[in-house]
């Protein structure tokens, strides 16, 4: 009689241990995926920011030559020139 009760307790303990391991794995996997998606988003945002900075740097370098620089967005183009260059031309 005691052996059957001990066997049932052992089985219950094993089942609970396995369920605990599965639950812990599920939680760890969810946290890992959350952290990875945040890191990817941060990396993407940093990449976008770097692209904006590079575009502005190139625009400033080209405009500083005192020549018109065409800037196009959605099939609309404007010519940009530095104000300092216009002031030099009028003097």
PDB file of N, CA and C in Angstrom:
ATOM      1  N   UNK A   1       0.819  -1.191   0.000  1.00  0.00           N
ATOM      2  CA  UNK A   1       0.000   0.000   0.000  1.00  0.00           C
ATOM      3  C   UNK A   1       0.863   1.255   0.000  1.00  0.00           C
ATOM      4  N   UNK A   2       1.901   1.260   0.856  1.00  0.00           N
ATOM      5  CA  UNK A   2       2.775   2.426   0.939  1.00  0.00           C
ATOM      6  C   UNK A   2       3.571   2.594  -0.341  1.00  0.00           C
ATOM      7  N   UNK A   3       3.931   1.493  -0.995  1.00  0.00           N
ATOM      8  CA  UNK A   3       4.695   1.579  -2.243  1.00  0.00           C
ATOM      9  C   UNK A   3       3.890   2.259  -3.337  1.00  0.00           C
ATOM     10  N   UNK A   4       2.605   1.969  -3.420  1.00  0.00           N
ATOM     11  CA  UNK A   4       1.765   2.594  -4.434  1.00  0.00           C
ATOM     12  C   UNK A   4       1.640   4.094  -4.169  1.00  0.00           C
ATOM     13  N   UNK A   5       1.529   4.454  -2.893  1.00  0.00           N
ATOM     14  CA  UNK A   5       1.417   5.871  -2.538  1.00  0.00           C
ATOM     15  C   UNK A   5       2.716   6.602  -2.840  1.00  0.00           C
ATOM     16  N   UNK A   6       3.844   5.965  -2.527  1.00  0.00           N
ATOM     17  CA  UNK A   6       5.146   6.576  -2.823  1.00  0.00           C
ATOM     18  C   UNK A   6       5.361   6.678  -4.324  1.00  0.00           C
ATOM     19  N   UNK A   7       4.936   5.658  -5.063  1.00  0.00           N
ATOM     20  CA  UNK A   7       5.072   5.697  -6.518  1.00  0.00           C
ATOM     21  C   UNK A   7       4.247   6.845  -7.106  1.00  0.00           C
ATOM     22  N   UNK A   8       3.023   7.028  -6.608  1.00  0.00           N
ATOM     23  CA  UNK A   8       2.180   8.123  -7.087  1.00  0.00           C
ATOM     24  C   UNK A   8       2.802   9.473  -6.749  1.00  0.00           C
ATOM     25  N   UNK A   9       3.395   9.586  -5.566  1.00  0.00           N
ATOM     26  CA  UNK A   9       4.046  10.833  -5.177  1.00  0.00           C
ATOM     27  C   UNK A   9       5.254  11.111  -6.063  1.00  0.00           C
ATOM     28  N   UNK A  10       6.031  10.076  -6.372  1.00  0.00           N
ATOM     29  CA  UNK A  10       7.194  10.241  -7.247  1.00  0.00           C
ATOM     30  C   UNK A  10       6.758  10.665  -8.642  1.00  0.00           C
ATOM     31  N   UNK A  11       5.708  10.021  -9.128  1.00  0.00           N
ATOM     32  CA  UNK A  11       5.206  10.374 -10.464  1.00  0.00           C
ATOM     33  C   UNK A  11       4.712  11.817 -10.469  1.00  0.00           C
ATOM     34  N   UNK A  12       3.965  12.189  -9.424  1.00  0.00           N
ATOM     35  CA  UNK A  12       3.465  13.559  -9.331  1.00  0.00           C
ATOM     36  C   UNK A  12       4.621  14.548  -9.245  1.00  0.00           C
ATOM     37  N   UNK A  13       5.660  14.200  -8.496  1.00  0.00           N
ATOM     38  CA  UNK A  13       6.825  15.078  -8.370  1.00  0.00           C
ATOM     39  C   UNK A  13       7.540  15.229  -9.703  1.00  0.00           C
ATOM     40  N   UNK A  14       7.679  14.143 -10.426  1.00  0.00           N
ATOM     41  CA  UNK A  14       8.331  14.196 -11.739  1.00  0.00           C
ATOM     42  C   UNK A  14       7.502  15.045 -12.703  1.00  0.00           C
ATOM     43  N   UNK A  15       6.184  14.828 -12.705  1.00  0.00           N
ATOM     44  CA  UNK A  15       5.311  15.596 -13.594  1.00  0.00           C
ATOM     45  C   UNK A  15       5.380  17.087 -13.257  1.00  0.00           C
ATOM     46  N   UNK A  16       5.325  17.431 -11.983  1.00  0.00           N
ATOM     47  CA  UNK A  16       5.411  18.836 -11.574  1.00  0.00           C
ATOM     48  C   UNK A  16       6.762  19.440 -11.922  1.00  0.00           C
ATOM     49  N   UNK A  17       7.818  18.672 -11.770  1.00  0.00           N
ATOM     50  CA  UNK A  17       9.161  19.157 -12.115  1.00  0.00           C
ATOM     51  C   UNK A  17       9.255  19.438 -13.609  1.00  0.00           C
ATOM     52  N   UNK A  18       8.718  18.524 -14.411  1.00  0.00           N
ATOM     53  CA  UNK A  18       8.746  18.715 -15.862  1.00  0.00           C
ATOM     54  C   UNK A  18       7.924  19.951 -16.242  1.00  0.00           C
ATOM     55  N   UNK A  19       6.762  20.098 -15.640  1.00  0.00           N
ATOM     56  CA  UNK A  19       5.931  21.276 -15.925  1.00  0.00           C
ATOM     57  C   UNK A  19       6.629  22.568 -15.503  1.00  0.00           C
ATOM     58  N   UNK A  20       7.321  22.538 -14.382  1.00  0.00           N
ATOM     59  CA  UNK A  20       8.069  23.712 -13.932  1.00  0.00           C
ATOM     60  C   UNK A  20       9.180  24.059 -14.913  1.00  0.00           C
ATOM     61  N   UNK A  21       9.864  23.057 -15.397  1.00  0.00           N
ATOM     62  CA  UNK A  21      10.939  23.289 -16.373  1.00  0.00           C
ATOM     63  C   UNK A  21      10.364  23.865 -17.666  1.00  0.00           C
ATOM     64  N   UNK A  22       9.243  23.331 -18.112  1.00  0.00           N
ATOM     65  CA  UNK A  22       8.607  23.836 -19.331  1.00  0.00           C
ATOM     66  C   UNK A  22       8.165  25.292 -19.135  1.00  0.00           C
ATOM     67  N   UNK A  23       7.557  25.593 -17.998  1.00  0.00           N
ATOM     68  CA  UNK A  23       7.107  26.963 -17.733  1.00  0.00           C
ATOM     69  C   UNK A  23       8.291  27.923 -17.675  1.00  0.00           C
ATOM     70  N   UNK A  24       9.356  27.518 -17.009  1.00  0.00           N
ATOM     71  CA  UNK A  24      10.549  28.368 -16.919  1.00  0.00           C
ATOM     72  C   UNK A  24      11.147  28.588 -18.304  1.00  0.00           C
ATOM     73  N   UNK A  25      11.207  27.544 -19.109  1.00  0.00           N
ATOM     74  CA  UNK A  25      11.727  27.675 -20.472  1.00  0.00           C
ATOM     75  C   UNK A  25      10.880  28.610 -21.312  1.00  0.00           C
ATOM     76  N   UNK A  26       9.570  28.520 -21.150  1.00  0.00           N
ATOM     77  CA  UNK A  26       8.659  29.388 -21.887  1.00  0.00           C
ATOM     78  C   UNK A  26       8.878  30.853 -21.505  1.00  0.00           C
ATOM     79  N   UNK A  27       9.031  31.104 -20.223  1.00  0.00           N
ATOM     80  CA  UNK A  27       9.249  32.480 -19.749  1.00  0.00           C
ATOM     81  C   UNK A  27      10.594  33.006 -20.244  1.00  0.00           C
ATOM     82  N   UNK A  28      11.633  32.194 -20.139  1.00  0.00           N
ATOM     83  CA  UNK A  28      12.967  32.612 -20.584  1.00  0.00           C
ATOM     84  C   UNK A  28      12.965  32.885 -22.086  1.00  0.00           C
ATOM     85  N   UNK A  29      12.325  32.020 -22.859  1.00  0.00           N
ATOM     86  CA  UNK A  29      12.263  32.209 -24.310  1.00  0.00           C
ATOM     87  C   UNK A  29      11.516  33.496 -24.659  1.00  0.00           C
ATOM     88  N   UNK A  30      10.409  33.763 -23.971  1.00  0.00           N
ATOM     89  CA  UNK A  30       9.662  34.994 -24.214  1.00  0.00           C
ATOM     90  C   UNK A  30      10.479  36.229 -23.907  1.00  0.00           C
ATOM     91  N   UNK A  31      11.198  36.220 -22.801  1.00  0.00           N
ATOM     92  CA  UNK A  31      12.050  37.358 -22.444  1.00  0.00           C
ATOM     93  C   UNK A  31      13.186  37.532 -23.453  1.00  0.00           C
ATOM     94  N   UNK A  32      13.762  36.422 -23.902  1.00  0.00           N
ATOM     95  CA  UNK A  32      14.849  36.481 -24.884  1.00  0.00           C
ATOM     96  C   UNK A  32      14.344  37.117 -26.181  1.00  0.00           C
ATOM     97  N   UNK A  33      13.169  36.683 -26.633  1.00  0.00           N
ATOM     98  CA  UNK A  33      12.622  37.242 -27.866  1.00  0.00           C
ATOM     99  C   UNK A  33      12.296  38.725 -27.702  1.00  0.00           C
ATOM    100  N   UNK A  34      11.804  39.126 -26.532  1.00  0.00           N
ATOM    101  CA  UNK A  34      11.488  40.530 -26.289  1.00  0.00           C
ATOM    102  C   UNK A  34      12.755  41.378 -26.334  1.00  0.00           C
ATOM    103  N   UNK A  35      13.809  40.898 -25.684  1.00  0.00           N
ATOM    104  CA  UNK A  35      15.073  41.638 -25.662  1.00  0.00           C
ATOM    105  C   UNK A  35      15.663  41.731 -27.064  1.00  0.00           C
ATOM    106  N   UNK A  36      15.613  40.633 -27.803  1.00  0.00           N
ATOM    107  CA  UNK A  36      16.171  40.641 -29.154  1.00  0.00           C
ATOM    108  C   UNK A  36      15.406  41.596 -30.062  1.00  0.00           C
ATOM    109  N   UNK A  37      14.086  41.642 -29.945  1.00  0.00           N
ATOM    110  CA  UNK A  37      13.325  42.548 -30.795  1.00  0.00           C
ATOM    111  C   UNK A  37      13.613  44.003 -30.425  1.00  0.00           C
ATOM    112  N   UNK A  38      13.823  44.289 -29.148  1.00  0.00           N
ATOM    113  CA  UNK A  38      14.176  45.653 -28.748  1.00  0.00           C
ATOM    114  C   UNK A  38      15.549  46.028 -29.283  1.00  0.00           C
ATOM    115  N   UNK A  39      16.501  45.091 -29.244  1.00  0.00           N
ATOM    116  CA  UNK A  39      17.842  45.381 -29.757  1.00  0.00           C
ATOM    117  C   UNK A  39      17.795  45.623 -31.261  1.00  0.00           C
ATOM    118  N   UNK A  40      16.983  44.841 -31.975  1.00  0.00           N
ATOM    119  CA  UNK A  40      16.871  45.040 -33.417  1.00  0.00           C
ATOM    120  C   UNK A  40      16.244  46.394 -33.725  1.00  0.00           C
ATOM    121  N   UNK A  41      15.236  46.773 -32.958  1.00  0.00           N
ATOM    122  CA  UNK A  41      14.605  48.072 -33.163  1.00  0.00           C
ATOM    123  C   UNK A  41      15.587  49.196 -32.878  1.00  0.00           C
ATOM    124  N   UNK A  42      16.359  49.061 -31.816  1.00  0.00           N
ATOM    125  CA  UNK A  42      17.356  50.075 -31.477  1.00  0.00           C
ATOM    126  C   UNK A  42      18.406  50.168 -32.577  1.00  0.00           C
ATOM    127  N   UNK A  43      18.860  49.026 -33.075  1.00  0.00           N
ATOM    128  CA  UNK A  43      19.851  49.031 -34.154  1.00  0.00           C
ATOM    129  C   UNK A  43      19.276  49.688 -35.406  1.00  0.00           C
ATOM    130  N   UNK A  44      18.020  49.409 -35.703  1.00  0.00           N
ATOM    131  CA  UNK A  44      17.373  50.026 -36.862  1.00  0.00           C
ATOM    132  C   UNK A  44      17.285  51.540 -36.688  1.00  0.00           C
ATOM    133  N   UNK A  45      16.884  51.980 -35.501  1.00  0.00           N
ATOM    134  CA  UNK A  45      16.771  53.416 -35.240  1.00  0.00           C
ATOM    135  C   UNK A  45      18.128  54.098 -35.339  1.00  0.00           C
ATOM    136  N   UNK A  46      19.168  53.442 -34.839  1.00  0.00           N
ATOM    137  CA  UNK A  46      20.516  54.008 -34.950  1.00  0.00           C
ATOM    138  C   UNK A  46      20.947  54.096 -36.406  1.00  0.00           C
ATOM    139  N   UNK A  47      20.595  53.100 -37.189  1.00  0.00           N
ATOM    140  CA  UNK A  47      20.923  53.116 -38.610  1.00  0.00           C
ATOM    141  C   UNK A  47      20.221  54.237 -39.346  1.00  0.00           C
ATOM    142  N   UNK A  48      18.953  54.427 -39.034  1.00  0.00           N
ATOM    143  CA  UNK A  48      18.190  55.519 -39.653  1.00  0.00           C
ATOM    144  C   UNK A  48      18.803  56.864 -39.273  1.00  0.00           C
ATOM    145  N   UNK A  49      19.137  57.028 -37.994  1.00  0.00           N
ATOM    146  CA  UNK A  49      19.741  58.280 -37.525  1.00  0.00           C
ATOM    147  C   UNK A  49      21.066  58.537 -38.232  1.00  0.00           C
ATOM    148  N   UNK A  50      21.874  57.495 -38.385  1.00  0.00           N
ATOM    149  CA  UNK A  50      23.160  57.650 -39.071  1.00  0.00           C
ATOM    150  C   UNK A  50      22.944  58.046 -40.526  1.00  0.00           C
ATOM    151  N   UNK A  51      21.914  57.488 -41.157  1.00  0.00           N
ATOM    152  CA  UNK A  51      21.611  57.848 -42.544  1.00  0.00           C
ATOM    153  C   UNK A  51      21.209  59.301 -42.677  1.00  0.00           C
ATOM    154  N   UNK A  52      20.380  59.774 -41.747  1.00  0.00           N
ATOM    155  CA  UNK A  52      19.993  61.186 -41.760  1.00  0.00           C
ATOM    156  C   UNK A  52      21.212  62.080 -41.593  1.00  0.00           C
ATOM    157  N   UNK A  53      22.070  61.720 -40.648  1.00  0.00           N
ATOM    158  CA  UNK A  53      23.265  62.533 -40.400  1.00  0.00           C
ATOM    159  C   UNK A  53      24.151  62.581 -41.631  1.00  0.00           C
ATOM    160  N   UNK A  54      24.336  61.442 -42.294  1.00  0.00           N
ATOM    161  CA  UNK A  54      25.175  61.407 -43.498  1.00  0.00           C
ATOM    162  C   UNK A  54      24.573  62.277 -44.597  1.00  0.00           C
ATOM    163  N   UNK A  55      23.259  62.222 -44.747  1.00  0.00           N
ATOM    164  CA  UNK A  55      22.603  63.024 -45.785  1.00  0.00           C
ATOM    165  C   UNK A  55      22.786  64.511 -45.512  1.00  0.00           C
ATOM    166  N   UNK A  56      22.629  64.923 -44.269  1.00  0.00           N
ATOM    167  CA  UNK A  56      22.786  66.336 -43.918  1.00  0.00           C
ATOM    168  C   UNK A  56      24.238  66.767 -44.105  1.00  0.00           C
ATOM    169  N   UNK A  57      25.179  65.930 -43.708  1.00  0.00           N
ATOM    170  CA  UNK A  57      26.600  66.255 -43.884  1.00  0.00           C
ATOM    171  C   UNK A  57      26.915  66.448 -45.363  1.00  0.00           C
ATOM    172  N   UNK A  58      26.443  65.537 -46.213  1.00  0.00           N
ATOM    173  CA  UNK A  58      26.696  65.653 -47.649  1.00  0.00           C
ATOM    174  C   UNK A  58      26.044  66.900 -48.221  1.00  0.00           C
ATOM    175  N   UNK A  59      24.835  67.202 -47.778  1.00  0.00           N
ATOM    176  CA  UNK A  59      24.149  68.389 -48.260  1.00  0.00           C
ATOM    177  C   UNK A  59      24.921  69.653 -47.880  1.00  0.00           C
ATOM    178  N   UNK A  60      25.368  69.716 -46.642  1.00  0.00           N
ATOM    179  CA  UNK A  60      26.137  70.885 -46.181  1.00  0.00           C
ATOM    180  C   UNK A  60      27.437  71.016 -46.966  1.00  0.00           C
ATOM    181  N   UNK A  61      28.117  69.906 -47.198  1.00  0.00           N
ATOM    182  CA  UNK A  61      29.371  69.951 -47.958  1.00  0.00           C
ATOM    183  C   UNK A  61      29.135  70.443 -49.378  1.00  0.00           C
ATOM    184  N   UNK A  62      28.074  69.977 -50.014  1.00  0.00           N
ATOM    185  CA  UNK A  62      27.808  70.395 -51.388  1.00  0.00           C
ATOM    186  C   UNK A  62      27.358  71.849 -51.453  1.00  0.00           C
ATOM    187  N   UNK A  63      26.538  72.270 -50.518  1.00  0.00           N
ATOM    188  CA  UNK A  63      26.046  73.647 -50.508  1.00  0.00           C
ATOM    189  C   UNK A  63      27.177  74.623 -50.212  1.00  0.00           C
ATOM    190  N   UNK A  64      28.152  74.220 -49.438  1.00  0.00           N
ATOM    191  CA  UNK A  64      29.248  75.118 -49.069  1.00  0.00           C
ATOM    192  C   UNK A  64      30.157  75.446 -50.251  1.00  0.00           C
ATOM    193  N   UNK A  65      29.962  74.805 -51.387  1.00  0.00           N
ATOM    194  CA  UNK A  65      30.748  75.135 -52.585  1.00  0.00           C
ATOM    195  C   UNK A  65      30.181  76.340 -53.328  1.00  0.00           C
ATOM    196  N   UNK A  66      29.106  76.921 -52.793  1.00  0.00           N
ATOM    197  CA  UNK A  66      28.440  78.090 -53.378  1.00  0.00           C
ATOM    198  C   UNK A  66      27.834  77.799 -54.750  1.00  0.00           C
ATOM    199  N   UNK A  67      27.421  76.568 -54.939  1.00  0.00           N
ATOM    200  CA  UNK A  67      26.693  76.200 -56.148  1.00  0.00           C
ATOM    201  C   UNK A  67      25.344  75.630 -55.732  1.00  0.00           C
ATOM    202  N   UNK A  68      24.378  75.764 -56.625  1.00  0.00           N
ATOM    203  CA  UNK A  68      23.058  75.223 -56.328  1.00  0.00           C
ATOM    204  C   UNK A  68      23.121  73.699 -56.245  1.00  0.00           C
ATOM    205  N   UNK A  69      22.422  73.168 -55.270  1.00  0.00           N
ATOM    206  CA  UNK A  69      22.376  71.710 -55.094  1.00  0.00           C
ATOM    207  C   UNK A  69      20.920  71.281 -55.227  1.00  0.00           C
ATOM    208  N   UNK A  70      20.611  70.447 -56.226  1.00  0.00           N
ATOM    209  CA  UNK A  70      19.228  69.988 -56.367  1.00  0.00           C
ATOM    210  C   UNK A  70      18.909  68.909 -55.314  1.00  0.00           C
ATOM    211  N   UNK A  71      17.769  69.088 -54.639  1.00  0.00           N
ATOM    212  CA  UNK A  71      17.306  68.115 -53.653  1.00  0.00           C
ATOM    213  C   UNK A  71      15.939  67.649 -54.114  1.00  0.00           C
ATOM    214  N   UNK A  72      15.779  66.335 -54.256  1.00  0.00           N
ATOM    215  CA  UNK A  72      14.548  65.777 -54.797  1.00  0.00           C
ATOM    216  C   UNK A  72      13.874  64.886 -53.765  1.00  0.00           C
ATOM    217  N   UNK A  73      12.559  65.038 -53.649  1.00  0.00           N
ATOM    218  CA  UNK A  73      11.751  64.176 -52.791  1.00  0.00           C
ATOM    219  C   UNK A  73      10.399  63.983 -53.451  1.00  0.00           C
ATOM    220  N   UNK A  74      10.041  62.746 -53.681  1.00  0.00           N
ATOM    221  CA  UNK A  74       8.738  62.415 -54.295  1.00  0.00           C
ATOM    222  C   UNK A  74       8.493  63.204 -55.576  1.00  0.00           C
ATOM    223  N   UNK A  75       9.419  63.138 -56.492  1.00  0.00           N
ATOM    224  CA  UNK A  75       9.319  63.801 -57.797  1.00  0.00           C
ATOM    225  C   UNK A  75       9.210  65.321 -57.705  1.00  0.00           C
ATOM    226  N   UNK A  76       9.598  65.888 -56.589  1.00  0.00           N
ATOM    227  CA  UNK A  76       9.626  67.351 -56.450  1.00  0.00           C
ATOM    228  C   UNK A  76      11.064  67.753 -56.158  1.00  0.00           C
ATOM    229  N   UNK A  77      11.590  68.653 -56.959  1.00  0.00           N
ATOM    230  CA  UNK A  77      12.983  69.061 -56.824  1.00  0.00           C
ATOM    231  C   UNK A  77      13.051  70.541 -56.474  1.00  0.00           C
ATOM    232  N   UNK A  78      13.920  70.863 -55.508  1.00  0.00           N
ATOM    233  CA  UNK A  78      14.217  72.256 -55.178  1.00  0.00           C
ATOM    234  C   UNK A  78      15.730  72.423 -55.228  1.00  0.00           C
ATOM    235  N   UNK A  79      16.150  73.623 -55.573  1.00  0.00           N
ATOM    236  CA  UNK A  79      17.576  73.932 -55.588  1.00  0.00           C
ATOM    237  C   UNK A  79      17.927  74.660 -54.306  1.00  0.00           C
ATOM    238  N   UNK A  80      18.972  74.207 -53.654  1.00  0.00           N
ATOM    239  CA  UNK A  80      19.404  74.775 -52.382  1.00  0.00           C
ATOM    240  C   UNK A  80      20.749  75.455 -52.587  1.00  0.00           C
ATOM    241  N   UNK A  81      20.897  76.620 -51.976  1.00  0.00           N
ATOM    242  CA  UNK A  81      22.170  77.332 -52.009  1.00  0.00           C
ATOM    243  C   UNK A  81      22.363  78.002 -50.652  1.00  0.00           C
ATOM    244  N   UNK A  82      23.598  78.118 -50.216  1.00  0.00           N
ATOM    245  CA  UNK A  82      23.889  78.707 -48.913  1.00  0.00           C
ATOM    246  C   UNK A  82      23.616  80.204 -48.931  1.00  0.00           C
ATOM    247  N   UNK A  83      23.002  80.715 -47.896  1.00  0.00           N
ATOM    248  CA  UNK A  83      22.696  82.143 -47.786  1.00  0.00           C
ATOM    249  C   UNK A  83      23.982  82.958 -47.802  1.00  0.00           C
ATOM    250  N   UNK A  84      25.034  82.461 -47.179  1.00  0.00           N
ATOM    251  CA  UNK A  84      26.309  83.176 -47.161  1.00  0.00           C
ATOM    252  C   UNK A  84      26.832  83.397 -48.581  1.00  0.00           C
ATOM    253  N   UNK A  85      26.600  82.461 -49.455  1.00  0.00           N
ATOM    254  CA  UNK A  85      27.042  82.612 -50.837  1.00  0.00           C
ATOM    255  C   UNK A  85      26.235  83.702 -51.560  1.00  0.00           C
ATOM    256  N   UNK A  86      24.954  83.771 -51.248  1.00  0.00           N
ATOM    257  CA  UNK A  86      24.127  84.829 -51.849  1.00  0.00           C
ATOM    258  C   UNK A  86      24.555  86.207 -51.343  1.00  0.00           C
ATOM    259  N   UNK A  87      24.917  86.293 -50.062  1.00  0.00           N
ATOM    260  CA  UNK A  87      25.353  87.561 -49.494  1.00  0.00           C
ATOM    261  C   UNK A  87      26.675  87.993 -50.111  1.00  0.00           C
ATOM    262  N   UNK A  88      27.558  87.031 -50.381  1.00  0.00           N
ATOM    263  CA  UNK A  88      28.848  87.355 -51.014  1.00  0.00           C
ATOM    264  C   UNK A  88      28.615  87.872 -52.432  1.00  0.00           C
ATOM    265  N   UNK A  89      27.656  87.317 -53.123  1.00  0.00           N
ATOM    266  CA  UNK A  89      27.404  87.691 -54.516  1.00  0.00           C
ATOM    267  C   UNK A  89      26.856  89.123 -54.600  1.00  0.00           C
ATOM    268  N   UNK A  90      26.125  89.568 -53.597  1.00  0.00           N
ATOM    269  CA  UNK A  90      25.552  90.921 -53.651  1.00  0.00           C
ATOM    270  C   UNK A  90      26.531  91.992 -53.217  1.00  0.00           C
ATOM    271  N   UNK A  91      27.600  91.622 -52.588  1.00  0.00           N
ATOM    272  CA  UNK A  91      28.574  92.617 -52.110  1.00  0.00           C
ATOM    273  C   UNK A  91      29.610  92.956 -53.138  1.00  0.00           C
TER     274      UNK A  91
END
